[in-house]
Amino acid sequence: MKVLFVLTSHDRLGNTGEKTGFWLEEFAAPYYRILDAGHDIVLASPKGGQPPLDPKSELADFQTDDTRRFADDPQAQKALASTLKLSDIQANDYDAVFYPGGHGPLWDLINDKHSIQLIENFLSADKPVAAVCHAPAVLVNVQLNGQPLLKDRHVTAFSNSEEAAVGLTDVVPFLLETSLQTLGANYQKGDDWAPFVCVDGKLITGQNPASSAAAAQALVQQLA
């Protein structure tokens, strides 16, 4: 089967002058779980080409077996450097979609019309949609059958307490936990920084970087 990964193209952390983008573990852990399960992976982003990597996610404290595997994987690095443009993607060419997090999606993918349409098409076709950490922001403006997708759905995402812990409560354009609750979602969370995944039908969400592998495994199980 063929799984689409959609990554952010946004690289500015608000007005801080710092860089952001996607979080390495949230890409690498799902990438290898899905690849090792025998599925093909195609990468896309709003602008195409190399998506911005949050430089903090390359620090030693945040490295895992999966990120180290990626560092030694020229084939994966080449694929990441040449993502397709999201506007050229057709949902019916893929069996599932995975959105890695990082703060970037809070600025670009949340309002990207191609992403919104893509998610609507996947779920209408009963295909899995997975997003981890800040990437559940991509669901905020999605509607299904004329209603907000998230109303009464069980979801998780990066929590307000985790955002406070990294000191970005006043930097991000909105708090994701609060936004999901405002939309009527049944927001759930585990302990800060611990793996926690919600599965609601074909919608799979993970709370934080540590949830990336489990979210991908839930998607693999649905594809099976």
N, C-alpha and C. Protein backbone atom coordinates (compact mmCIF):
# COMPACT_ATOMS: atom_id res chain seq x y z
N MET A 1 0.84 -1.20 0.00
CA MET A 1 0.00 0.00 0.00
C MET A 1 0.87 1.25 0.00
N LYS A 2 0.26 2.37 -0.34
CA LYS A 2 1.01 3.62 -0.46
C LYS A 2 0.52 4.63 0.57
N VAL A 3 1.46 5.14 1.36
CA VAL A 3 1.13 6.09 2.43
C VAL A 3 1.76 7.44 2.11
N LEU A 4 0.97 8.49 2.20
CA LEU A 4 1.43 9.85 1.98
C LEU A 4 1.82 10.48 3.31
N PHE A 5 2.99 11.10 3.34
CA PHE A 5 3.40 11.94 4.46
C PHE A 5 3.29 13.40 4.03
N VAL A 6 2.68 14.23 4.86
CA VAL A 6 2.57 15.65 4.56
C VAL A 6 3.31 16.43 5.64
N LEU A 7 4.33 17.19 5.23
CA LEU A 7 5.15 17.96 6.16
C LEU A 7 4.94 19.45 5.95
N THR A 8 5.22 20.21 6.99
CA THR A 8 5.10 21.66 6.93
C THR A 8 6.17 22.28 6.03
N SER A 9 5.87 23.47 5.51
CA SER A 9 6.87 24.29 4.80
C SER A 9 7.21 25.56 5.57
N HIS A 10 6.65 25.70 6.77
CA HIS A 10 6.81 26.94 7.54
C HIS A 10 8.04 26.85 8.45
N ASP A 11 8.90 27.88 8.42
CA ASP A 11 10.17 27.79 9.15
C ASP A 11 10.41 28.89 10.16
N ARG A 12 9.43 29.75 10.46
CA ARG A 12 9.65 30.86 11.39
C ARG A 12 8.82 30.67 12.65
N LEU A 13 9.46 30.73 13.81
CA LEU A 13 8.79 30.53 15.08
C LEU A 13 8.21 31.86 15.56
N GLY A 14 7.07 32.24 15.01
CA GLY A 14 6.43 33.49 15.37
C GLY A 14 7.34 34.67 15.12
N ASN A 15 7.43 35.57 16.11
CA ASN A 15 8.27 36.77 16.00
C ASN A 15 9.56 36.64 16.82
N THR A 16 9.93 35.41 17.13
CA THR A 16 11.11 35.21 17.99
C THR A 16 12.42 35.35 17.24
N GLY A 17 12.37 35.27 15.92
CA GLY A 17 13.61 35.25 15.14
C GLY A 17 14.23 33.87 15.08
N GLU A 18 13.62 32.89 15.74
CA GLU A 18 14.12 31.52 15.73
C GLU A 18 13.46 30.72 14.61
N LYS A 19 14.07 29.60 14.29
CA LYS A 19 13.55 28.72 13.24
C LYS A 19 12.67 27.63 13.84
N THR A 20 11.73 27.16 13.04
CA THR A 20 10.93 26.00 13.39
C THR A 20 10.73 25.17 12.13
N GLY A 21 9.78 24.26 12.15
CA GLY A 21 9.54 23.38 11.02
C GLY A 21 8.90 22.10 11.51
N PHE A 22 9.34 20.96 10.96
CA PHE A 22 8.85 19.67 11.47
C PHE A 22 9.85 19.13 12.48
N TRP A 23 9.36 18.24 13.35
CA TRP A 23 10.19 17.65 14.41
C TRP A 23 10.71 16.31 13.93
N LEU A 24 12.02 16.13 14.01
CA LEU A 24 12.67 14.98 13.37
C LEU A 24 12.11 13.64 13.84
N GLU A 25 11.98 13.44 15.14
CA GLU A 25 11.47 12.16 15.64
C GLU A 25 10.08 11.86 15.12
N GLU A 26 9.28 12.91 14.96
CA GLU A 26 7.90 12.73 14.52
C GLU A 26 7.80 12.37 13.04
N PHE A 27 8.87 12.58 12.32
CA PHE A 27 8.97 12.08 10.96
C PHE A 27 9.64 10.71 10.93
N ALA A 28 10.77 10.57 11.60
CA ALA A 28 11.58 9.36 11.47
C ALA A 28 10.90 8.13 12.06
N ALA A 29 10.32 8.25 13.24
CA ALA A 29 9.69 7.09 13.87
C ALA A 29 8.55 6.53 13.02
N PRO A 30 7.59 7.36 12.56
CA PRO A 30 6.54 6.84 11.69
C PRO A 30 7.07 6.34 10.35
N TYR A 31 8.03 7.05 9.81
CA TYR A 31 8.58 6.67 8.50
C TYR A 31 9.07 5.22 8.52
N TYR A 32 9.83 4.87 9.55
CA TYR A 32 10.40 3.52 9.58
C TYR A 32 9.40 2.47 10.02
N ARG A 33 8.43 2.83 10.87
CA ARG A 33 7.39 1.85 11.22
C ARG A 33 6.59 1.47 9.98
N ILE A 34 6.24 2.46 9.19
CA ILE A 34 5.41 2.22 8.00
C ILE A 34 6.23 1.55 6.90
N LEU A 35 7.46 2.01 6.71
CA LEU A 35 8.34 1.40 5.70
C LEU A 35 8.62 -0.05 6.04
N ASP A 36 8.95 -0.34 7.29
CA ASP A 36 9.28 -1.70 7.70
C ASP A 36 8.08 -2.63 7.65
N ALA A 37 6.87 -2.06 7.64
CA ALA A 37 5.67 -2.87 7.50
C ALA A 37 5.40 -3.23 6.04
N GLY A 38 6.26 -2.74 5.13
CA GLY A 38 6.17 -3.11 3.73
C GLY A 38 5.41 -2.14 2.84
N HIS A 39 5.11 -0.97 3.36
CA HIS A 39 4.34 0.00 2.58
C HIS A 39 5.25 1.00 1.89
N ASP A 40 4.80 1.52 0.76
CA ASP A 40 5.51 2.57 0.06
C ASP A 40 5.15 3.93 0.69
N ILE A 41 6.11 4.85 0.69
CA ILE A 41 5.90 6.17 1.28
C ILE A 41 6.23 7.24 0.25
N VAL A 42 5.35 8.23 0.14
CA VAL A 42 5.57 9.40 -0.70
C VAL A 42 5.48 10.63 0.21
N LEU A 43 6.39 11.58 0.02
CA LEU A 43 6.46 12.76 0.87
C LEU A 43 5.99 13.99 0.10
N ALA A 44 5.24 14.85 0.79
CA ALA A 44 4.74 16.08 0.18
C ALA A 44 4.79 17.21 1.20
N SER A 45 4.75 18.44 0.71
CA SER A 45 4.70 19.63 1.56
C SER A 45 4.08 20.75 0.74
N PRO A 46 3.58 21.80 1.38
CA PRO A 46 2.93 22.87 0.60
C PRO A 46 3.81 23.46 -0.50
N LYS A 47 5.09 23.69 -0.22
CA LYS A 47 5.98 24.31 -1.20
C LYS A 47 6.77 23.30 -2.01
N GLY A 48 6.75 22.02 -1.61
CA GLY A 48 7.59 21.03 -2.26
C GLY A 48 9.04 21.20 -1.88
N GLY A 49 9.88 20.28 -2.34
CA GLY A 49 11.30 20.36 -2.03
C GLY A 49 11.60 20.03 -0.58
N GLN A 50 12.71 20.55 -0.07
CA GLN A 50 13.16 20.26 1.29
C GLN A 50 12.30 21.00 2.32
N PRO A 51 11.58 20.29 3.16
CA PRO A 51 10.83 20.97 4.22
C PRO A 51 11.76 21.39 5.34
N PRO A 52 11.45 22.47 6.06
CA PRO A 52 12.32 22.94 7.12
C PRO A 52 12.28 22.02 8.34
N LEU A 53 13.42 21.73 8.88
CA LEU A 53 13.54 20.91 10.08
C LEU A 53 13.77 21.81 11.28
N ASP A 54 12.99 21.61 12.33
CA ASP A 54 13.21 22.38 13.56
C ASP A 54 14.61 22.05 14.08
N PRO A 55 15.51 23.02 14.16
CA PRO A 55 16.89 22.72 14.55
C PRO A 55 17.00 22.13 15.95
N LYS A 56 16.06 22.45 16.82
CA LYS A 56 16.12 21.89 18.17
C LYS A 56 15.95 20.37 18.15
N SER A 57 15.23 19.87 17.15
CA SER A 57 15.00 18.42 17.10
C SER A 57 16.23 17.64 16.70
N GLU A 58 17.29 18.35 16.31
CA GLU A 58 18.56 17.69 15.99
C GLU A 58 19.52 17.67 17.18
N LEU A 59 19.12 18.29 18.29
CA LEU A 59 19.99 18.29 19.46
C LEU A 59 20.12 16.88 20.04
N ALA A 60 21.23 16.64 20.71
CA ALA A 60 21.57 15.30 21.19
C ALA A 60 20.48 14.71 22.09
N ASP A 61 19.86 15.55 22.92
CA ASP A 61 18.87 15.06 23.87
C ASP A 61 17.64 14.47 23.19
N PHE A 62 17.40 14.82 21.94
CA PHE A 62 16.19 14.40 21.25
C PHE A 62 16.44 13.30 20.21
N GLN A 63 17.61 12.70 20.24
CA GLN A 63 17.91 11.66 19.26
C GLN A 63 17.42 10.30 19.76
N THR A 64 16.95 9.49 18.83
CA THR A 64 16.42 8.16 19.10
C THR A 64 17.05 7.19 18.10
N ASP A 65 16.75 5.92 18.24
CA ASP A 65 17.23 4.94 17.26
C ASP A 65 16.74 5.29 15.86
N ASP A 66 15.51 5.81 15.78
CA ASP A 66 14.94 6.15 14.47
C ASP A 66 15.63 7.36 13.86
N THR A 67 15.92 8.39 14.66
CA THR A 67 16.58 9.57 14.10
C THR A 67 18.02 9.24 13.70
N ARG A 68 18.66 8.37 14.46
CA ARG A 68 20.02 7.95 14.09
C ARG A 68 19.99 7.10 12.82
N ARG A 69 18.96 6.30 12.68
CA ARG A 69 18.82 5.51 11.44
C ARG A 69 18.65 6.44 10.24
N PHE A 70 17.85 7.49 10.43
CA PHE A 70 17.65 8.46 9.35
C PHE A 70 18.97 9.14 8.98
N ALA A 71 19.79 9.47 9.98
CA ALA A 71 21.06 10.14 9.73
C ALA A 71 22.00 9.27 8.89
N ASP A 72 21.78 7.96 8.91
CA ASP A 72 22.61 7.03 8.15
C ASP A 72 21.88 6.48 6.92
N ASP A 73 20.82 7.14 6.51
CA ASP A 73 19.96 6.63 5.44
C ASP A 73 19.90 7.64 4.30
N PRO A 74 20.84 7.57 3.36
CA PRO A 74 20.85 8.56 2.28
C PRO A 74 19.61 8.50 1.40
N GLN A 75 18.99 7.34 1.27
CA GLN A 75 17.79 7.22 0.46
C GLN A 75 16.63 8.01 1.07
N ALA A 76 16.47 7.91 2.39
CA ALA A 76 15.42 8.66 3.07
C ALA A 76 15.72 10.16 3.01
N GLN A 77 16.98 10.53 3.17
CA GLN A 77 17.36 11.94 3.11
C GLN A 77 17.08 12.53 1.72
N LYS A 78 17.32 11.74 0.70
CA LYS A 78 17.05 12.19 -0.67
C LYS A 78 15.55 12.39 -0.89
N ALA A 79 14.76 11.47 -0.36
CA ALA A 79 13.31 11.59 -0.49
C ALA A 79 12.81 12.84 0.23
N LEU A 80 13.35 13.10 1.40
CA LEU A 80 12.93 14.27 2.17
C LEU A 80 13.31 15.57 1.48
N ALA A 81 14.43 15.56 0.78
CA ALA A 81 14.91 16.78 0.11
C ALA A 81 14.10 17.12 -1.13
N SER A 82 13.26 16.20 -1.57
CA SER A 82 12.53 16.41 -2.82
C SER A 82 11.05 16.08 -2.68
N THR A 83 10.42 16.61 -1.62
CA THR A 83 9.00 16.36 -1.44
C THR A 83 8.19 16.94 -2.60
N LEU A 84 7.08 16.29 -2.89
CA LEU A 84 6.18 16.78 -3.93
C LEU A 84 5.39 17.98 -3.41
N LYS A 85 4.88 18.78 -4.34
CA LYS A 85 4.02 19.90 -3.94
C LYS A 85 2.64 19.34 -3.58
N LEU A 86 2.13 19.80 -2.46
CA LEU A 86 0.85 19.30 -1.98
C LEU A 86 -0.27 19.53 -2.98
N SER A 87 -0.19 20.60 -3.74
CA SER A 87 -1.23 20.91 -4.71
C SER A 87 -1.29 19.90 -5.85
N ASP A 88 -0.23 19.09 -6.01
CA ASP A 88 -0.20 18.09 -7.07
C ASP A 88 -0.66 16.72 -6.61
N ILE A 89 -1.04 16.60 -5.34
CA ILE A 89 -1.39 15.31 -4.75
C ILE A 89 -2.88 15.01 -4.92
N GLN A 90 -3.20 13.76 -5.28
CA GLN A 90 -4.58 13.31 -5.37
C GLN A 90 -4.81 12.22 -4.33
N ALA A 91 -5.83 12.39 -3.51
CA ALA A 91 -6.07 11.46 -2.40
C ALA A 91 -6.29 10.03 -2.88
N ASN A 92 -6.92 9.88 -4.06
CA ASN A 92 -7.23 8.52 -4.49
C ASN A 92 -6.01 7.74 -4.96
N ASP A 93 -4.83 8.37 -4.95
CA ASP A 93 -3.60 7.66 -5.29
C ASP A 93 -2.95 7.02 -4.06
N TYR A 94 -3.54 7.23 -2.87
CA TYR A 94 -2.92 6.79 -1.62
C TYR A 94 -3.92 6.07 -0.74
N ASP A 95 -3.38 5.24 0.15
CA ASP A 95 -4.22 4.44 1.04
C ASP A 95 -4.34 5.03 2.44
N ALA A 96 -3.46 5.95 2.81
CA ALA A 96 -3.48 6.59 4.12
C ALA A 96 -2.60 7.83 4.06
N VAL A 97 -2.75 8.70 5.06
CA VAL A 97 -1.91 9.90 5.14
C VAL A 97 -1.45 10.08 6.58
N PHE A 98 -0.20 10.50 6.73
CA PHE A 98 0.38 10.75 8.06
C PHE A 98 0.96 12.17 8.07
N TYR A 99 0.63 12.92 9.12
CA TYR A 99 1.14 14.28 9.30
C TYR A 99 2.10 14.32 10.49
N PRO A 100 3.41 14.44 10.28
CA PRO A 100 4.34 14.67 11.38
C PRO A 100 4.14 16.08 11.95
N GLY A 101 4.47 16.23 13.23
CA GLY A 101 4.29 17.53 13.87
C GLY A 101 5.53 18.40 13.83
N GLY A 102 5.75 19.12 14.91
CA GLY A 102 6.62 20.29 14.91
C GLY A 102 5.69 21.50 14.92
N HIS A 103 6.20 22.65 15.28
CA HIS A 103 5.33 23.82 15.39
C HIS A 103 4.89 24.37 14.03
N GLY A 104 5.59 24.04 12.97
CA GLY A 104 5.28 24.60 11.65
C GLY A 104 3.83 24.50 11.22
N PRO A 105 3.16 23.33 11.39
CA PRO A 105 1.78 23.21 10.92
C PRO A 105 0.81 24.21 11.53
N LEU A 106 1.15 24.77 12.70
CA LEU A 106 0.26 25.75 13.31
C LEU A 106 0.12 27.00 12.45
N TRP A 107 1.11 27.23 11.58
CA TRP A 107 1.09 28.44 10.74
C TRP A 107 0.66 28.16 9.30
N ASP A 108 1.04 27.01 8.75
CA ASP A 108 0.71 26.84 7.33
C ASP A 108 -0.34 25.76 7.04
N LEU A 109 -0.16 24.55 7.54
CA LEU A 109 -1.06 23.46 7.15
C LEU A 109 -2.47 23.63 7.70
N ILE A 110 -2.61 24.33 8.81
CA ILE A 110 -3.95 24.52 9.38
C ILE A 110 -4.89 25.18 8.39
N ASN A 111 -4.37 26.09 7.55
CA ASN A 111 -5.22 26.83 6.60
C ASN A 111 -5.00 26.42 5.15
N ASP A 112 -4.19 25.40 4.93
CA ASP A 112 -3.86 25.02 3.55
C ASP A 112 -5.06 24.31 2.90
N LYS A 113 -5.61 24.93 1.84
CA LYS A 113 -6.83 24.39 1.24
C LYS A 113 -6.61 23.01 0.64
N HIS A 114 -5.40 22.75 0.16
CA HIS A 114 -5.13 21.44 -0.43
C HIS A 114 -5.08 20.37 0.65
N SER A 115 -4.51 20.70 1.79
CA SER A 115 -4.48 19.76 2.91
C SER A 115 -5.89 19.49 3.43
N ILE A 116 -6.66 20.54 3.59
CA ILE A 116 -8.03 20.39 4.09
C ILE A 116 -8.84 19.50 3.17
N GLN A 117 -8.75 19.74 1.87
CA GLN A 117 -9.50 18.93 0.90
C GLN A 117 -9.00 17.49 0.91
N LEU A 118 -7.70 17.33 1.05
CA LEU A 118 -7.10 15.99 1.07
C LEU A 118 -7.66 15.17 2.23
N ILE A 119 -7.70 15.77 3.43
CA ILE A 119 -8.20 15.07 4.60
C ILE A 119 -9.68 14.73 4.44
N GLU A 120 -10.44 15.67 3.92
CA GLU A 120 -11.86 15.41 3.68
C GLU A 120 -12.03 14.23 2.72
N ASN A 121 -11.21 14.19 1.68
CA ASN A 121 -11.31 13.11 0.70
C ASN A 121 -10.91 11.76 1.30
N PHE A 122 -9.84 11.76 2.11
CA PHE A 122 -9.40 10.51 2.74
C PHE A 122 -10.50 9.96 3.65
N LEU A 123 -11.04 10.80 4.52
CA LEU A 123 -12.02 10.31 5.48
C LEU A 123 -13.33 9.94 4.80
N SER A 124 -13.70 10.67 3.76
CA SER A 124 -14.91 10.32 3.01
C SER A 124 -14.78 8.96 2.35
N ALA A 125 -13.55 8.60 1.99
CA ALA A 125 -13.28 7.31 1.37
C ALA A 125 -12.93 6.24 2.41
N ASP A 126 -13.08 6.57 3.69
CA ASP A 126 -12.81 5.62 4.78
C ASP A 126 -11.35 5.15 4.79
N LYS A 127 -10.44 6.12 4.55
CA LYS A 127 -9.01 5.85 4.60
C LYS A 127 -8.41 6.50 5.84
N PRO A 128 -7.40 5.88 6.46
CA PRO A 128 -6.84 6.42 7.70
C PRO A 128 -6.14 7.76 7.52
N VAL A 129 -6.34 8.63 8.51
CA VAL A 129 -5.66 9.92 8.61
C VAL A 129 -5.01 9.98 9.99
N ALA A 130 -3.69 10.16 10.03
CA ALA A 130 -2.97 10.19 11.29
C ALA A 130 -2.18 11.49 11.41
N ALA A 131 -2.12 12.04 12.63
CA ALA A 131 -1.38 13.27 12.89
C ALA A 131 -0.86 13.23 14.31
N VAL A 132 0.34 13.76 14.50
CA VAL A 132 0.96 13.66 15.82
C VAL A 132 1.45 15.01 16.31
N CYS A 133 1.35 15.24 17.62
CA CYS A 133 1.88 16.39 18.34
C CYS A 133 1.17 17.68 17.93
N HIS A 134 1.81 18.59 17.20
CA HIS A 134 1.15 19.81 16.73
C HIS A 134 0.40 19.58 15.42
N ALA A 135 0.65 18.48 14.75
CA ALA A 135 0.02 18.26 13.45
C ALA A 135 -1.49 18.08 13.49
N PRO A 136 -2.11 17.66 14.61
CA PRO A 136 -3.58 17.65 14.61
C PRO A 136 -4.20 19.02 14.33
N ALA A 137 -3.40 20.07 14.31
CA ALA A 137 -3.90 21.38 13.87
C ALA A 137 -4.45 21.30 12.46
N VAL A 138 -3.97 20.36 11.65
CA VAL A 138 -4.45 20.25 10.27
C VAL A 138 -5.93 19.88 10.22
N LEU A 139 -6.48 19.40 11.34
CA LEU A 139 -7.88 18.97 11.39
C LEU A 139 -8.84 20.09 11.73
N VAL A 140 -8.32 21.21 12.22
CA VAL A 140 -9.15 22.26 12.80
C VAL A 140 -10.17 22.81 11.82
N ASN A 141 -9.78 23.00 10.57
CA ASN A 141 -10.68 23.60 9.59
C ASN A 141 -11.31 22.59 8.63
N VAL A 142 -11.19 21.32 8.97
CA VAL A 142 -11.77 20.27 8.12
C VAL A 142 -13.24 20.07 8.47
N GLN A 143 -14.07 19.95 7.43
CA GLN A 143 -15.48 19.64 7.63
C GLN A 143 -15.82 18.33 6.94
N LEU A 144 -16.79 17.64 7.48
CA LEU A 144 -17.26 16.39 6.89
C LEU A 144 -18.78 16.42 6.95
N ASN A 145 -19.40 16.25 5.80
CA ASN A 145 -20.86 16.31 5.70
C ASN A 145 -21.41 17.62 6.25
N GLY A 146 -20.66 18.71 6.00
CA GLY A 146 -21.13 20.03 6.38
C GLY A 146 -20.94 20.38 7.84
N GLN A 147 -20.31 19.51 8.60
CA GLN A 147 -20.09 19.75 10.02
C GLN A 147 -18.59 19.72 10.33
N PRO A 148 -18.15 20.45 11.37
CA PRO A 148 -16.73 20.36 11.76
C PRO A 148 -16.34 18.92 12.05
N LEU A 149 -15.27 18.49 11.44
CA LEU A 149 -14.82 17.10 11.61
C LEU A 149 -14.65 16.74 13.08
N LEU A 150 -14.11 17.67 13.87
CA LEU A 150 -13.68 17.34 15.22
C LEU A 150 -14.81 17.30 16.25
N LYS A 151 -15.98 17.77 15.92
CA LYS A 151 -17.06 17.78 16.91
C LYS A 151 -17.36 16.37 17.39
N ASP A 152 -17.23 16.17 18.69
CA ASP A 152 -17.52 14.89 19.36
C ASP A 152 -16.53 13.78 19.00
N ARG A 153 -15.45 14.11 18.32
CA ARG A 153 -14.44 13.08 18.02
C ARG A 153 -13.42 13.00 19.14
N HIS A 154 -12.95 11.79 19.42
CA HIS A 154 -11.90 11.59 20.42
C HIS A 154 -10.55 11.87 19.77
N VAL A 155 -9.86 12.88 20.27
CA VAL A 155 -8.56 13.25 19.70
C VAL A 155 -7.60 13.65 20.81
N THR A 156 -6.32 13.63 20.48
CA THR A 156 -5.30 14.17 21.34
C THR A 156 -4.37 15.04 20.51
N ALA A 157 -3.50 15.75 21.16
CA ALA A 157 -2.52 16.63 20.51
C ALA A 157 -1.64 17.20 21.60
N PHE A 158 -0.62 17.95 21.21
CA PHE A 158 0.28 18.60 22.16
C PHE A 158 -0.54 19.41 23.15
N SER A 159 -0.34 19.15 24.43
CA SER A 159 -1.18 19.73 25.47
C SER A 159 -0.74 21.14 25.84
N ASN A 160 -1.65 21.87 26.46
CA ASN A 160 -1.31 23.22 26.95
C ASN A 160 -0.18 23.17 27.97
N SER A 161 -0.16 22.15 28.80
CA SER A 161 0.89 22.05 29.81
C SER A 161 2.24 21.75 29.18
N GLU A 162 2.26 20.99 28.09
CA GLU A 162 3.51 20.74 27.38
C GLU A 162 3.99 22.01 26.67
N GLU A 163 3.04 22.77 26.11
CA GLU A 163 3.41 24.03 25.46
C GLU A 163 4.02 24.99 26.49
N ALA A 164 3.42 25.03 27.68
CA ALA A 164 3.96 25.88 28.74
C ALA A 164 5.35 25.42 29.16
N ALA A 165 5.55 24.12 29.18
CA ALA A 165 6.84 23.57 29.60
C ALA A 165 7.97 23.95 28.65
N VAL A 166 7.66 24.12 27.36
CA VAL A 166 8.69 24.52 26.40
C VAL A 166 8.73 26.04 26.22
N GLY A 167 7.93 26.76 27.00
CA GLY A 167 7.99 28.22 27.03
C GLY A 167 7.44 28.91 25.81
N LEU A 168 6.48 28.28 25.11
CA LEU A 168 5.99 28.87 23.86
C LEU A 168 4.51 29.22 23.90
N THR A 169 3.93 29.24 25.09
CA THR A 169 2.50 29.56 25.21
C THR A 169 2.16 30.89 24.56
N ASP A 170 3.03 31.88 24.71
CA ASP A 170 2.76 33.21 24.18
C ASP A 170 3.37 33.44 22.79
N VAL A 171 3.96 32.40 22.22
CA VAL A 171 4.59 32.51 20.90
C VAL A 171 3.71 31.89 19.82
N VAL A 172 3.11 30.75 20.12
CA VAL A 172 2.29 30.04 19.12
C VAL A 172 1.04 30.86 18.80
N PRO A 173 0.51 30.73 17.59
CA PRO A 173 -0.66 31.52 17.20
C PRO A 173 -1.92 31.12 17.96
N PHE A 174 -1.96 29.92 18.50
CA PHE A 174 -3.08 29.46 19.32
C PHE A 174 -2.62 28.22 20.08
N LEU A 175 -3.33 27.91 21.16
CA LEU A 175 -3.06 26.70 21.92
C LEU A 175 -3.91 25.57 21.36
N LEU A 176 -3.26 24.52 20.93
CA LEU A 176 -3.95 23.47 20.19
C LEU A 176 -4.99 22.75 21.05
N GLU A 177 -4.63 22.42 22.27
CA GLU A 177 -5.61 21.75 23.15
C GLU A 177 -6.87 22.60 23.28
N THR A 178 -6.71 23.89 23.52
CA THR A 178 -7.86 24.78 23.69
C THR A 178 -8.69 24.85 22.41
N SER A 179 -8.02 24.94 21.27
CA SER A 179 -8.74 25.04 19.99
C SER A 179 -9.55 23.78 19.71
N LEU A 180 -8.99 22.63 20.00
CA LEU A 180 -9.72 21.38 19.76
C LEU A 180 -10.95 21.30 20.65
N GLN A 181 -10.80 21.71 21.90
CA GLN A 181 -11.95 21.69 22.81
C GLN A 181 -13.02 22.69 22.37
N THR A 182 -12.59 23.86 21.89
CA THR A 182 -13.55 24.87 21.44
C THR A 182 -14.39 24.36 20.28
N LEU A 183 -13.79 23.52 19.45
CA LEU A 183 -14.50 22.95 18.30
C LEU A 183 -15.44 21.81 18.69
N GLY A 184 -15.43 21.45 19.97
CA GLY A 184 -16.32 20.39 20.42
C GLY A 184 -15.69 19.01 20.41
N ALA A 185 -14.37 18.95 20.22
CA ALA A 185 -13.69 17.66 20.25
C ALA A 185 -13.65 17.12 21.67
N ASN A 186 -13.65 15.82 21.80
CA ASN A 186 -13.44 15.17 23.09
C ASN A 186 -11.94 14.99 23.26
N TYR A 187 -11.28 16.07 23.69
CA TYR A 187 -9.82 16.06 23.81
C TYR A 187 -9.40 15.20 24.99
N GLN A 188 -8.41 14.34 24.75
CA GLN A 188 -7.87 13.49 25.80
C GLN A 188 -6.36 13.61 25.80
N LYS A 189 -5.75 13.34 26.96
CA LYS A 189 -4.30 13.39 27.03
C LYS A 189 -3.79 12.44 28.10
N GLY A 190 -2.53 12.05 27.93
CA GLY A 190 -1.85 11.28 28.96
C GLY A 190 -0.92 12.20 29.72
N ASP A 191 0.04 11.61 30.41
CA ASP A 191 1.03 12.41 31.12
C ASP A 191 1.88 13.20 30.12
N ASP A 192 2.34 14.37 30.55
CA ASP A 192 3.23 15.14 29.68
C ASP A 192 4.42 14.29 29.26
N TRP A 193 4.72 14.31 27.96
CA TRP A 193 5.88 13.69 27.34
C TRP A 193 5.81 12.17 27.27
N ALA A 194 4.72 11.57 27.75
CA ALA A 194 4.56 10.11 27.68
C ALA A 194 3.77 9.75 26.42
N PRO A 195 4.00 8.57 25.85
CA PRO A 195 3.24 8.16 24.67
C PRO A 195 1.74 8.10 24.97
N PHE A 196 0.94 8.69 24.08
CA PHE A 196 -0.51 8.64 24.22
C PHE A 196 -1.13 8.82 22.83
N VAL A 197 -2.00 7.90 22.46
CA VAL A 197 -2.61 7.90 21.13
C VAL A 197 -4.12 7.74 21.26
N CYS A 198 -4.88 8.47 20.46
CA CYS A 198 -6.33 8.29 20.34
C CYS A 198 -6.64 7.75 18.95
N VAL A 199 -7.51 6.74 18.92
CA VAL A 199 -8.02 6.22 17.65
C VAL A 199 -9.54 6.35 17.66
N ASP A 200 -10.07 7.13 16.73
CA ASP A 200 -11.51 7.32 16.60
C ASP A 200 -11.87 7.01 15.16
N GLY A 201 -12.30 5.79 14.91
CA GLY A 201 -12.56 5.36 13.55
C GLY A 201 -11.26 5.37 12.75
N LYS A 202 -11.27 6.08 11.64
CA LYS A 202 -10.07 6.17 10.80
C LYS A 202 -9.18 7.35 11.18
N LEU A 203 -9.54 8.06 12.25
CA LEU A 203 -8.77 9.22 12.68
C LEU A 203 -7.85 8.83 13.84
N ILE A 204 -6.54 9.02 13.62
CA ILE A 204 -5.52 8.63 14.59
C ILE A 204 -4.73 9.86 14.98
N THR A 205 -4.62 10.14 16.29
CA THR A 205 -3.85 11.29 16.74
C THR A 205 -2.93 10.88 17.88
N GLY A 206 -1.74 11.50 17.91
CA GLY A 206 -0.76 11.25 18.96
C GLY A 206 -0.44 12.56 19.67
N GLN A 207 -0.14 12.48 20.97
CA GLN A 207 -0.04 13.68 21.79
C GLN A 207 1.26 14.45 21.62
N ASN A 208 2.37 13.78 21.43
CA ASN A 208 3.68 14.43 21.54
C ASN A 208 4.72 13.60 20.77
N PRO A 209 5.99 14.04 20.75
CA PRO A 209 6.98 13.27 19.99
C PRO A 209 7.07 11.80 20.39
N ALA A 210 6.93 11.52 21.67
CA ALA A 210 7.03 10.13 22.14
C ALA A 210 5.88 9.26 21.65
N SER A 211 4.83 9.89 21.13
CA SER A 211 3.67 9.16 20.63
C SER A 211 3.77 8.83 19.15
N SER A 212 4.83 9.26 18.51
CA SER A 212 4.95 9.13 17.05
C SER A 212 4.93 7.68 16.59
N ALA A 213 5.73 6.84 17.23
CA ALA A 213 5.81 5.44 16.81
C ALA A 213 4.48 4.73 17.03
N ALA A 214 3.83 4.98 18.18
CA ALA A 214 2.57 4.33 18.48
C ALA A 214 1.46 4.77 17.52
N ALA A 215 1.47 6.04 17.15
CA ALA A 215 0.48 6.52 16.19
C ALA A 215 0.68 5.85 14.83
N ALA A 216 1.94 5.71 14.43
CA ALA A 216 2.23 5.04 13.16
C ALA A 216 1.83 3.57 13.22
N GLN A 217 2.06 2.94 14.36
CA GLN A 217 1.70 1.53 14.50
C GLN A 217 0.19 1.36 14.42
N ALA A 218 -0.57 2.32 14.97
CA ALA A 218 -2.01 2.26 14.86
C ALA A 218 -2.46 2.37 13.40
N LEU A 219 -1.77 3.20 12.63
CA LEU A 219 -2.07 3.33 11.21
C LEU A 219 -1.74 2.04 10.47
N VAL A 220 -0.60 1.44 10.79
CA VAL A 220 -0.21 0.17 10.16
C VAL A 220 -1.27 -0.91 10.45
N GLN A 221 -1.77 -0.94 11.66
CA GLN A 221 -2.78 -1.93 12.01
C GLN A 221 -4.06 -1.72 11.19
N GLN A 222 -4.41 -0.46 10.96
CA GLN A 222 -5.61 -0.21 10.14
C GLN A 222 -5.38 -0.61 8.69
N LEU A 223 -4.19 -0.41 8.19
CA LEU A 223 -3.91 -0.81 6.81
C LEU A 223 -3.92 -2.33 6.65
N ALA A 224 -3.61 -3.02 7.74
CA ALA A 224 -3.61 -4.50 7.69
C ALA A 224 -5.01 -5.06 7.62
